[in-house]
Amino acid sequence: MKVLHSDESHYHHTLYSIFLVGPTPRNGAVPSWRPQALEILEKLGFDGLVYVPERKDWKSQFDYMDQVEWEYAGISAATFIVAWVPRNLENMLGL
């Protein structure tokens, strides 16, 4: 399984791919759900590409429009879009 985070460049691939759509934590106190999703995909033997719209390095500065463009390209290229919407209005706003 290949994982592509939003601070990594897209590349041409011929694999099946999944884009993990859903809320992203807004601070370090709230854990992301995506590492657990990756573990599940790994256990299921998924051998394609997984687009993770979170940065590997949150400490570096980034441009919001770069993030939007990365997500648009990833969603457009993905074979499947998988969503998790927790609806926890306190710390993981999934609208």
PDB file of N, CA and C in Angstrom:
ATOM      1  N   MET A   1       0.855  -1.177   0.000  1.00  0.00           N
ATOM      2  CA  MET A   1       0.000   0.000   0.000  1.00  0.00           C
ATOM      3  C   MET A   1       0.897   1.235   0.000  1.00  0.00           C
ATOM      4  N   LYS A   2       0.563   2.182  -0.843  1.00  0.00           N
ATOM      5  CA  LYS A   2       1.272   3.450  -0.917  1.00  0.00           C
ATOM      6  C   LYS A   2       0.366   4.519  -0.333  1.00  0.00           C
ATOM      7  N   VAL A   3       0.925   5.363   0.545  1.00  0.00           N
ATOM      8  CA  VAL A   3       0.166   6.437   1.171  1.00  0.00           C
ATOM      9  C   VAL A   3       0.733   7.766   0.684  1.00  0.00           C
ATOM     10  N   LEU A   4      -0.152   8.656   0.250  1.00  0.00           N
ATOM     11  CA  LEU A   4       0.254   9.963  -0.247  1.00  0.00           C
ATOM     12  C   LEU A   4      -0.420  11.034   0.598  1.00  0.00           C
ATOM     13  N   HIS A   5       0.391  11.803   1.333  1.00  0.00           N
ATOM     14  CA  HIS A   5      -0.119  12.890   2.174  1.00  0.00           C
ATOM     15  C   HIS A   5      -0.159  14.194   1.382  1.00  0.00           C
ATOM     16  N   SER A   6      -0.882  15.165   1.910  1.00  0.00           N
ATOM     17  CA  SER A   6      -1.112  16.397   1.162  1.00  0.00           C
ATOM     18  C   SER A   6       0.114  17.300   1.046  1.00  0.00           C
ATOM     19  N   ASP A   7       1.185  16.991   1.746  1.00  0.00           N
ATOM     20  CA  ASP A   7       2.411  17.757   1.538  1.00  0.00           C
ATOM     21  C   ASP A   7       3.388  16.995   0.637  1.00  0.00           C
ATOM     22  N   GLU A   8       2.860  15.987  -0.081  1.00  0.00           N
ATOM     23  CA  GLU A   8       3.648  15.235  -1.046  1.00  0.00           C
ATOM     24  C   GLU A   8       3.032  15.446  -2.435  1.00  0.00           C
ATOM     25  N   SER A   9       3.861  15.424  -3.436  1.00  0.00           N
ATOM     26  CA  SER A   9       3.390  15.651  -4.807  1.00  0.00           C
ATOM     27  C   SER A   9       2.645  14.446  -5.345  1.00  0.00           C
ATOM     28  N   HIS A  10       1.635  14.719  -6.158  1.00  0.00           N
ATOM     29  CA  HIS A  10       0.922  13.669  -6.871  1.00  0.00           C
ATOM     30  C   HIS A  10       1.850  13.067  -7.917  1.00  0.00           C
ATOM     31  N   TYR A  11       1.610  11.871  -8.277  1.00  0.00           N
ATOM     32  CA  TYR A  11       2.352  11.235  -9.350  1.00  0.00           C
ATOM     33  C   TYR A  11       1.400  10.331 -10.109  1.00  0.00           C
ATOM     34  N   HIS A  12       1.767   9.996 -11.331  1.00  0.00           N
ATOM     35  CA  HIS A  12       0.917   9.130 -12.136  1.00  0.00           C
ATOM     36  C   HIS A  12       0.977   7.715 -11.573  1.00  0.00           C
ATOM     37  N   HIS A  13      -0.164   7.102 -11.403  1.00  0.00           N
ATOM     38  CA  HIS A  13      -0.212   5.752 -10.863  1.00  0.00           C
ATOM     39  C   HIS A  13      -1.220   4.926 -11.636  1.00  0.00           C
ATOM     40  N   THR A  14      -1.051   3.640 -11.565  1.00  0.00           N
ATOM     41  CA  THR A  14      -1.990   2.736 -12.228  1.00  0.00           C
ATOM     42  C   THR A  14      -2.686   1.840 -11.214  1.00  0.00           C
ATOM     43  N   LEU A  15      -2.532   2.167  -9.949  1.00  0.00           N
ATOM     44  CA  LEU A  15      -3.130   1.384  -8.882  1.00  0.00           C
ATOM     45  C   LEU A  15      -4.568   1.826  -8.619  1.00  0.00           C
ATOM     46  N   TYR A  16      -5.323   0.941  -7.989  1.00  0.00           N
ATOM     47  CA  TYR A  16      -6.588   1.395  -7.423  1.00  0.00           C
ATOM     48  C   TYR A  16      -6.244   2.395  -6.343  1.00  0.00           C
ATOM     49  N   SER A  17      -7.112   3.350  -6.133  1.00  0.00           N
ATOM     50  CA  SER A  17      -6.808   4.359  -5.119  1.00  0.00           C
ATOM     51  C   SER A  17      -8.055   4.716  -4.317  1.00  0.00           C
ATOM     52  N   ILE A  18      -7.795   5.151  -3.092  1.00  0.00           N
ATOM     53  CA  ILE A  18      -8.842   5.560  -2.161  1.00  0.00           C
ATOM     54  C   ILE A  18      -8.488   6.944  -1.637  1.00  0.00           C
ATOM     55  N   PHE A  19      -9.456   7.839  -1.606  1.00  0.00           N
ATOM     56  CA  PHE A  19      -9.289   9.148  -0.986  1.00  0.00           C
ATOM     57  C   PHE A  19     -10.067   9.119   0.321  1.00  0.00           C
ATOM     58  N   LEU A  20      -9.406   9.403   1.434  1.00  0.00           N
ATOM     59  CA  LEU A  20     -10.046   9.372   2.753  1.00  0.00           C
ATOM     60  C   LEU A  20     -10.648  10.739   3.080  1.00  0.00           C
ATOM     61  N   VAL A  21     -11.933  10.877   2.813  1.00  0.00           N
ATOM     62  CA  VAL A  21     -12.660  12.123   3.049  1.00  0.00           C
ATOM     63  C   VAL A  21     -13.234  12.111   4.458  1.00  0.00           C
ATOM     64  N   GLY A  22     -13.195  13.261   5.104  1.00  0.00           N
ATOM     65  CA  GLY A  22     -13.782  13.388   6.434  1.00  0.00           C
ATOM     66  C   GLY A  22     -13.100  14.508   7.174  1.00  0.00           C
ATOM     67  N   PRO A  23     -13.546  14.781   8.382  1.00  0.00           N
ATOM     68  CA  PRO A  23     -12.994  15.908   9.126  1.00  0.00           C
ATOM     69  C   PRO A  23     -11.534  15.688   9.517  1.00  0.00           C
ATOM     70  N   THR A  24     -10.794  16.783   9.527  1.00  0.00           N
ATOM     71  CA  THR A  24      -9.396  16.769   9.930  1.00  0.00           C
ATOM     72  C   THR A  24      -9.281  17.517  11.251  1.00  0.00           C
ATOM     73  N   PRO A  25      -8.567  16.955  12.232  1.00  0.00           N
ATOM     74  CA  PRO A  25      -8.408  17.644  13.508  1.00  0.00           C
ATOM     75  C   PRO A  25      -7.809  19.037  13.316  1.00  0.00           C
ATOM     76  N   ARG A  26      -8.280  19.972  14.093  1.00  0.00           N
ATOM     77  CA  ARG A  26      -7.813  21.359  13.996  1.00  0.00           C
ATOM     78  C   ARG A  26      -6.733  21.693  15.017  1.00  0.00           C
ATOM     79  N   ASN A  27      -6.449  20.754  15.921  1.00  0.00           N
ATOM     80  CA  ASN A  27      -5.362  20.983  16.881  1.00  0.00           C
ATOM     81  C   ASN A  27      -4.768  19.635  17.289  1.00  0.00           C
ATOM     82  N   GLY A  28      -3.604  19.682  17.906  1.00  0.00           N
ATOM     83  CA  GLY A  28      -2.879  18.473  18.270  1.00  0.00           C
ATOM     84  C   GLY A  28      -3.518  17.653  19.379  1.00  0.00           C
ATOM     85  N   ALA A  29      -4.488  18.216  20.094  1.00  0.00           N
ATOM     86  CA  ALA A  29      -5.126  17.490  21.188  1.00  0.00           C
ATOM     87  C   ALA A  29      -6.144  16.465  20.688  1.00  0.00           C
ATOM     88  N   VAL A  30      -6.594  16.623  19.460  1.00  0.00           N
ATOM     89  CA  VAL A  30      -7.586  15.714  18.880  1.00  0.00           C
ATOM     90  C   VAL A  30      -6.873  14.789  17.897  1.00  0.00           C
ATOM     91  N   PRO A  31      -6.907  13.488  18.159  1.00  0.00           N
ATOM     92  CA  PRO A  31      -6.214  12.564  17.247  1.00  0.00           C
ATOM     93  C   PRO A  31      -6.951  12.407  15.915  1.00  0.00           C
ATOM     94  N   SER A  32      -6.180  12.201  14.878  1.00  0.00           N
ATOM     95  CA  SER A  32      -6.759  11.946  13.567  1.00  0.00           C
ATOM     96  C   SER A  32      -7.300  10.520  13.509  1.00  0.00           C
ATOM     97  N   TRP A  33      -8.342  10.321  12.749  1.00  0.00           N
ATOM     98  CA  TRP A  33      -8.929   8.996  12.541  1.00  0.00           C
ATOM     99  C   TRP A  33      -8.232   8.270  11.406  1.00  0.00           C
ATOM    100  N   ARG A  34      -7.476   8.984  10.581  1.00  0.00           N
ATOM    101  CA  ARG A  34      -6.903   8.385   9.383  1.00  0.00           C
ATOM    102  C   ARG A  34      -5.831   7.331   9.640  1.00  0.00           C
ATOM    103  N   PRO A  35      -4.971   7.458  10.670  1.00  0.00           N
ATOM    104  CA  PRO A  35      -4.020   6.354  10.920  1.00  0.00           C
ATOM    105  C   PRO A  35      -4.725   5.023  11.183  1.00  0.00           C
ATOM    106  N   GLN A  36      -5.837   5.043  11.893  1.00  0.00           N
ATOM    107  CA  GLN A  36      -6.586   3.811  12.135  1.00  0.00           C
ATOM    108  C   GLN A  36      -7.185   3.285  10.840  1.00  0.00           C
ATOM    109  N   ALA A  37      -7.667   4.185   9.981  1.00  0.00           N
ATOM    110  CA  ALA A  37      -8.197   3.764   8.683  1.00  0.00           C
ATOM    111  C   ALA A  37      -7.096   3.106   7.853  1.00  0.00           C
ATOM    112  N   LEU A  38      -5.892   3.650   7.893  1.00  0.00           N
ATOM    113  CA  LEU A  38      -4.769   3.058   7.160  1.00  0.00           C
ATOM    114  C   LEU A  38      -4.431   1.675   7.702  1.00  0.00           C
ATOM    115  N   GLU A  39      -4.470   1.518   9.021  1.00  0.00           N
ATOM    116  CA  GLU A  39      -4.227   0.199   9.630  1.00  0.00           C
ATOM    117  C   GLU A  39      -5.258  -0.818   9.141  1.00  0.00           C
ATOM    118  N   ILE A  40      -6.506  -0.416   9.087  1.00  0.00           N
ATOM    119  CA  ILE A  40      -7.571  -1.320   8.624  1.00  0.00           C
ATOM    120  C   ILE A  40      -7.345  -1.711   7.172  1.00  0.00           C
ATOM    121  N   LEU A  41      -7.027  -0.738   6.338  1.00  0.00           N
ATOM    122  CA  LEU A  41      -6.766  -1.035   4.929  1.00  0.00           C
ATOM    123  C   LEU A  41      -5.578  -1.978   4.772  1.00  0.00           C
ATOM    124  N   GLU A  42      -4.544  -1.760   5.578  1.00  0.00           N
ATOM    125  CA  GLU A  42      -3.362  -2.631   5.546  1.00  0.00           C
ATOM    126  C   GLU A  42      -3.749  -4.061   5.934  1.00  0.00           C
ATOM    127  N   LYS A  43      -4.522  -4.212   7.015  1.00  0.00           N
ATOM    128  CA  LYS A  43      -4.955  -5.536   7.453  1.00  0.00           C
ATOM    129  C   LYS A  43      -5.821  -6.238   6.419  1.00  0.00           C
ATOM    130  N   LEU A  44      -6.585  -5.447   5.666  1.00  0.00           N
ATOM    131  CA  LEU A  44      -7.448  -6.011   4.624  1.00  0.00           C
ATOM    132  C   LEU A  44      -6.663  -6.360   3.353  1.00  0.00           C
ATOM    133  N   GLY A  45      -5.385  -5.988   3.340  1.00  0.00           N
ATOM    134  CA  GLY A  45      -4.540  -6.314   2.199  1.00  0.00           C
ATOM    135  C   GLY A  45      -4.679  -5.367   1.013  1.00  0.00           C
ATOM    136  N   PHE A  46      -5.177  -4.153   1.256  1.00  0.00           N
ATOM    137  CA  PHE A  46      -5.291  -3.190   0.165  1.00  0.00           C
ATOM    138  C   PHE A  46      -3.898  -2.851  -0.339  1.00  0.00           C
ATOM    139  N   ASP A  47      -3.679  -2.980  -1.636  1.00  0.00           N
ATOM    140  CA  ASP A  47      -2.337  -2.740  -2.173  1.00  0.00           C
ATOM    141  C   ASP A  47      -2.300  -1.577  -3.155  1.00  0.00           C
ATOM    142  N   GLY A  48      -3.276  -0.695  -3.072  1.00  0.00           N
ATOM    143  CA  GLY A  48      -3.317   0.466  -3.948  1.00  0.00           C
ATOM    144  C   GLY A  48      -2.746   1.700  -3.278  1.00  0.00           C
ATOM    145  N   LEU A  49      -3.187   2.846  -3.757  1.00  0.00           N
ATOM    146  CA  LEU A  49      -2.747   4.150  -3.274  1.00  0.00           C
ATOM    147  C   LEU A  49      -3.837   4.744  -2.390  1.00  0.00           C
ATOM    148  N   VAL A  50      -3.429   5.332  -1.266  1.00  0.00           N
ATOM    149  CA  VAL A  50      -4.386   5.996  -0.375  1.00  0.00           C
ATOM    150  C   VAL A  50      -4.005   7.469  -0.282  1.00  0.00           C
ATOM    151  N   TYR A  51      -4.945   8.324  -0.674  1.00  0.00           N
ATOM    152  CA  TYR A  51      -4.764   9.765  -0.543  1.00  0.00           C
ATOM    153  C   TYR A  51      -5.202  10.180   0.859  1.00  0.00           C
ATOM    154  N   VAL A  52      -4.279  10.796   1.597  1.00  0.00           N
ATOM    155  CA  VAL A  52      -4.565  11.269   2.952  1.00  0.00           C
ATOM    156  C   VAL A  52      -4.466  12.790   2.940  1.00  0.00           C
ATOM    157  N   PRO A  53      -5.590  13.500   3.049  1.00  0.00           N
ATOM    158  CA  PRO A  53      -5.557  14.957   2.972  1.00  0.00           C
ATOM    159  C   PRO A  53      -5.101  15.612   4.274  1.00  0.00           C
ATOM    160  N   GLU A  54      -4.051  15.069   4.842  1.00  0.00           N
ATOM    161  CA  GLU A  54      -3.388  15.634   6.016  1.00  0.00           C
ATOM    162  C   GLU A  54      -1.903  15.672   5.697  1.00  0.00           C
ATOM    163  N   ARG A  55      -1.227  16.608   6.296  1.00  0.00           N
ATOM    164  CA  ARG A  55       0.203  16.748   6.057  1.00  0.00           C
ATOM    165  C   ARG A  55       0.998  15.788   6.932  1.00  0.00           C
ATOM    166  N   LYS A  56       2.127  15.318   6.396  1.00  0.00           N
ATOM    167  CA  LYS A  56       3.054  14.546   7.227  1.00  0.00           C
ATOM    168  C   LYS A  56       3.700  15.460   8.252  1.00  0.00           C
ATOM    169  N   ASP A  57       3.977  16.699   7.840  1.00  0.00           N
ATOM    170  CA  ASP A  57       4.660  17.671   8.690  1.00  0.00           C
ATOM    171  C   ASP A  57       3.767  18.893   8.881  1.00  0.00           C
ATOM    172  N   TRP A  58       3.057  18.932  10.000  1.00  0.00           N
ATOM    173  CA  TRP A  58       2.152  20.045  10.273  1.00  0.00           C
ATOM    174  C   TRP A  58       2.899  21.293  10.728  1.00  0.00           C
ATOM    175  N   LYS A  59       4.188  21.160  11.033  1.00  0.00           N
ATOM    176  CA  LYS A  59       4.955  22.302  11.530  1.00  0.00           C
ATOM    177  C   LYS A  59       5.343  23.267  10.421  1.00  0.00           C
ATOM    178  N   SER A  60       5.416  22.770   9.203  1.00  0.00           N
ATOM    179  CA  SER A  60       5.810  23.648   8.104  1.00  0.00           C
ATOM    180  C   SER A  60       4.631  24.501   7.648  1.00  0.00           C
ATOM    181  N   GLN A  61       4.931  25.698   7.180  1.00  0.00           N
ATOM    182  CA  GLN A  61       3.909  26.601   6.666  1.00  0.00           C
ATOM    183  C   GLN A  61       3.344  26.049   5.370  1.00  0.00           C
ATOM    184  N   PHE A  62       2.074  26.257   5.127  1.00  0.00           N
ATOM    185  CA  PHE A  62       1.503  25.835   3.858  1.00  0.00           C
ATOM    186  C   PHE A  62       0.413  26.804   3.443  1.00  0.00           C
ATOM    187  N   ASP A  63       0.171  26.827   2.165  1.00  0.00           N
ATOM    188  CA  ASP A  63      -0.824  27.703   1.579  1.00  0.00           C
ATOM    189  C   ASP A  63      -2.147  26.955   1.478  1.00  0.00           C
ATOM    190  N   TYR A  64      -3.228  27.577   1.911  1.00  0.00           N
ATOM    191  CA  TYR A  64      -4.545  26.945   1.894  1.00  0.00           C
ATOM    192  C   TYR A  64      -4.941  26.523   0.483  1.00  0.00           C
ATOM    193  N   MET A  65      -4.670  27.364  -0.503  1.00  0.00           N
ATOM    194  CA  MET A  65      -5.044  27.038  -1.882  1.00  0.00           C
ATOM    195  C   MET A  65      -4.268  25.824  -2.391  1.00  0.00           C
ATOM    196  N   ASP A  66      -3.021  25.649  -1.952  1.00  0.00           N
ATOM    197  CA  ASP A  66      -2.266  24.451  -2.320  1.00  0.00           C
ATOM    198  C   ASP A  66      -2.973  23.204  -1.795  1.00  0.00           C
ATOM    199  N   GLN A  67      -3.488  23.288  -0.575  1.00  0.00           N
ATOM    200  CA  GLN A  67      -4.215  22.165   0.029  1.00  0.00           C
ATOM    201  C   GLN A  67      -5.478  21.858  -0.770  1.00  0.00           C
ATOM    202  N   VAL A  68      -6.223  22.895  -1.108  1.00  0.00           N
ATOM    203  CA  VAL A  68      -7.460  22.723  -1.870  1.00  0.00           C
ATOM    204  C   VAL A  68      -7.164  22.087  -3.226  1.00  0.00           C
ATOM    205  N   GLU A  69      -6.147  22.580  -3.911  1.00  0.00           N
ATOM    206  CA  GLU A  69      -5.789  22.037  -5.225  1.00  0.00           C
ATOM    207  C   GLU A  69      -5.330  20.587  -5.116  1.00  0.00           C
ATOM    208  N   TRP A  70      -4.565  20.255  -4.066  1.00  0.00           N
ATOM    209  CA  TRP A  70      -4.109  18.877  -3.852  1.00  0.00           C
ATOM    210  C   TRP A  70      -5.326  17.969  -3.656  1.00  0.00           C
ATOM    211  N   GLU A  71      -6.262  18.400  -2.812  1.00  0.00           N
ATOM    212  CA  GLU A  71      -7.455  17.590  -2.548  1.00  0.00           C
ATOM    213  C   GLU A  71      -8.298  17.425  -3.809  1.00  0.00           C
ATOM    214  N   TYR A  72      -8.466  18.473  -4.584  1.00  0.00           N
ATOM    215  CA  TYR A  72      -9.247  18.379  -5.816  1.00  0.00           C
ATOM    216  C   TYR A  72      -8.614  17.368  -6.777  1.00  0.00           C
ATOM    217  N   ALA A  73      -7.298  17.450  -6.940  1.00  0.00           N
ATOM    218  CA  ALA A  73      -6.587  16.516  -7.820  1.00  0.00           C
ATOM    219  C   ALA A  73      -6.718  15.086  -7.308  1.00  0.00           C
ATOM    220  N   GLY A  74      -6.602  14.896  -5.989  1.00  0.00           N
ATOM    221  CA  GLY A  74      -6.708  13.560  -5.412  1.00  0.00           C
ATOM    222  C   GLY A  74      -8.093  12.959  -5.548  1.00  0.00           C
ATOM    223  N   ILE A  75      -9.103  13.754  -5.272  1.00  0.00           N
ATOM    224  CA  ILE A  75     -10.480  13.267  -5.399  1.00  0.00           C
ATOM    225  C   ILE A  75     -10.788  12.947  -6.861  1.00  0.00           C
ATOM    226  N   SER A  76     -10.297  13.769  -7.755  1.00  0.00           N
ATOM    227  CA  SER A  76     -10.531  13.541  -9.181  1.00  0.00           C
ATOM    228  C   SER A  76      -9.862  12.268  -9.674  1.00  0.00           C
ATOM    229  N   ALA A  77      -8.700  11.948  -9.107  1.00  0.00           N
ATOM    230  CA  ALA A  77      -7.934  10.784  -9.560  1.00  0.00           C
ATOM    231  C   ALA A  77      -8.329   9.494  -8.850  1.00  0.00           C
ATOM    232  N   ALA A  78      -8.973   9.598  -7.694  1.00  0.00           N
ATOM    233  CA  ALA A  78      -9.260   8.419  -6.881  1.00  0.00           C
ATOM    234  C   ALA A  78     -10.262   7.473  -7.548  1.00  0.00           C
ATOM    235  N   THR A  79     -10.011   6.188  -7.371  1.00  0.00           N
ATOM    236  CA  THR A  79     -10.943   5.164  -7.836  1.00  0.00           C
ATOM    237  C   THR A  79     -12.160   5.114  -6.914  1.00  0.00           C
ATOM    238  N   PHE A  80     -11.905   5.248  -5.607  1.00  0.00           N
ATOM    239  CA  PHE A  80     -12.954   5.208  -4.595  1.00  0.00           C
ATOM    240  C   PHE A  80     -12.770   6.380  -3.635  1.00  0.00           C
ATOM    241  N   ILE A  81     -13.877   6.882  -3.120  1.00  0.00           N
ATOM    242  CA  ILE A  81     -13.846   7.905  -2.076  1.00  0.00           C
ATOM    243  C   ILE A  81     -14.500   7.298  -0.853  1.00  0.00           C
ATOM    244  N   VAL A  82     -13.750   7.262   0.244  1.00  0.00           N
ATOM    245  CA  VAL A  82     -14.241   6.673   1.488  1.00  0.00           C
ATOM    246  C   VAL A  82     -14.392   7.802   2.503  1.00  0.00           C
ATOM    247  N   ALA A  83     -15.579   7.900   3.119  1.00  0.00           N
ATOM    248  CA  ALA A  83     -15.856   8.986   4.058  1.00  0.00           C
ATOM    249  C   ALA A  83     -16.130   8.458   5.453  1.00  0.00           C
ATOM    250  N   TRP A  84     -15.689   9.229   6.431  1.00  0.00           N
ATOM    251  CA  TRP A  84     -16.036   8.984   7.831  1.00  0.00           C
ATOM    252  C   TRP A  84     -16.522  10.316   8.385  1.00  0.00           C
ATOM    253  N   VAL A  85     -17.742  10.332   8.891  1.00  0.00           N
ATOM    254  CA  VAL A  85     -18.331  11.564   9.404  1.00  0.00           C
ATOM    255  C   VAL A  85     -18.816  11.293  10.827  1.00  0.00           C
ATOM    256  N   PRO A  86     -18.025  11.683  11.840  1.00  0.00           N
ATOM    257  CA  PRO A  86     -18.343  11.337  13.220  1.00  0.00           C
ATOM    258  C   PRO A  86     -19.460  12.175  13.841  1.00  0.00           C
ATOM    259  N   ARG A  87     -19.671  13.376  13.353  1.00  0.00           N
ATOM    260  CA  ARG A  87     -20.672  14.286  13.899  1.00  0.00           C
ATOM    261  C   ARG A  87     -20.425  14.608  15.371  1.00  0.00           C
ATOM    262  N   ASN A  88     -19.166  14.693  15.773  1.00  0.00           N
ATOM    263  CA  ASN A  88     -18.823  15.138  17.114  1.00  0.00           C
ATOM    264  C   ASN A  88     -18.649  16.649  17.058  1.00  0.00           C
ATOM    265  N   LEU A  89     -19.653  17.385  17.449  1.00  0.00           N
ATOM    266  CA  LEU A  89     -19.657  18.829  17.284  1.00  0.00           C
ATOM    267  C   LEU A  89     -18.669  19.551  18.186  1.00  0.00           C
ATOM    268  N   GLU A  90     -18.131  18.869  19.195  1.00  0.00           N
ATOM    269  CA  GLU A  90     -17.184  19.509  20.098  1.00  0.00           C
ATOM    270  C   GLU A  90     -15.765  19.575  19.535  1.00  0.00           C
ATOM    271  N   ASN A  91     -15.303  18.456  18.939  1.00  0.00           N
ATOM    272  CA  ASN A  91     -13.898  18.468  18.528  1.00  0.00           C
ATOM    273  C   ASN A  91     -13.628  17.873  17.152  1.00  0.00           C
ATOM    274  N   MET A  92     -14.633  17.355  16.467  1.00  0.00           N
ATOM    275  CA  MET A  92     -14.415  16.793  15.143  1.00  0.00           C
ATOM    276  C   MET A  92     -15.651  17.057  14.300  1.00  0.00           C
ATOM    277  N   LEU A  93     -15.781  18.314  13.916  1.00  0.00           N
ATOM    278  CA  LEU A  93     -16.975  18.780  13.233  1.00  0.00           C
ATOM    279  C   LEU A  93     -17.072  18.158  11.850  1.00  0.00           C
ATOM    280  N   GLY A  94     -17.937  17.185  11.715  1.00  0.00           N
ATOM    281  CA  GLY A  94     -18.138  16.521  10.430  1.00  0.00           C
ATOM    282  C   GLY A  94     -19.482  16.914   9.842  1.00  0.00           C
ATOM    283  N   LEU A  95     -19.474  17.916   9.000  1.00  0.00           N
ATOM    284  CA  LEU A  95     -20.724  18.358   8.386  1.00  0.00           C
ATOM    285  C   LEU A  95     -20.800  17.747   7.028  1.00  0.00           C
TER     286      LEU A  95
END
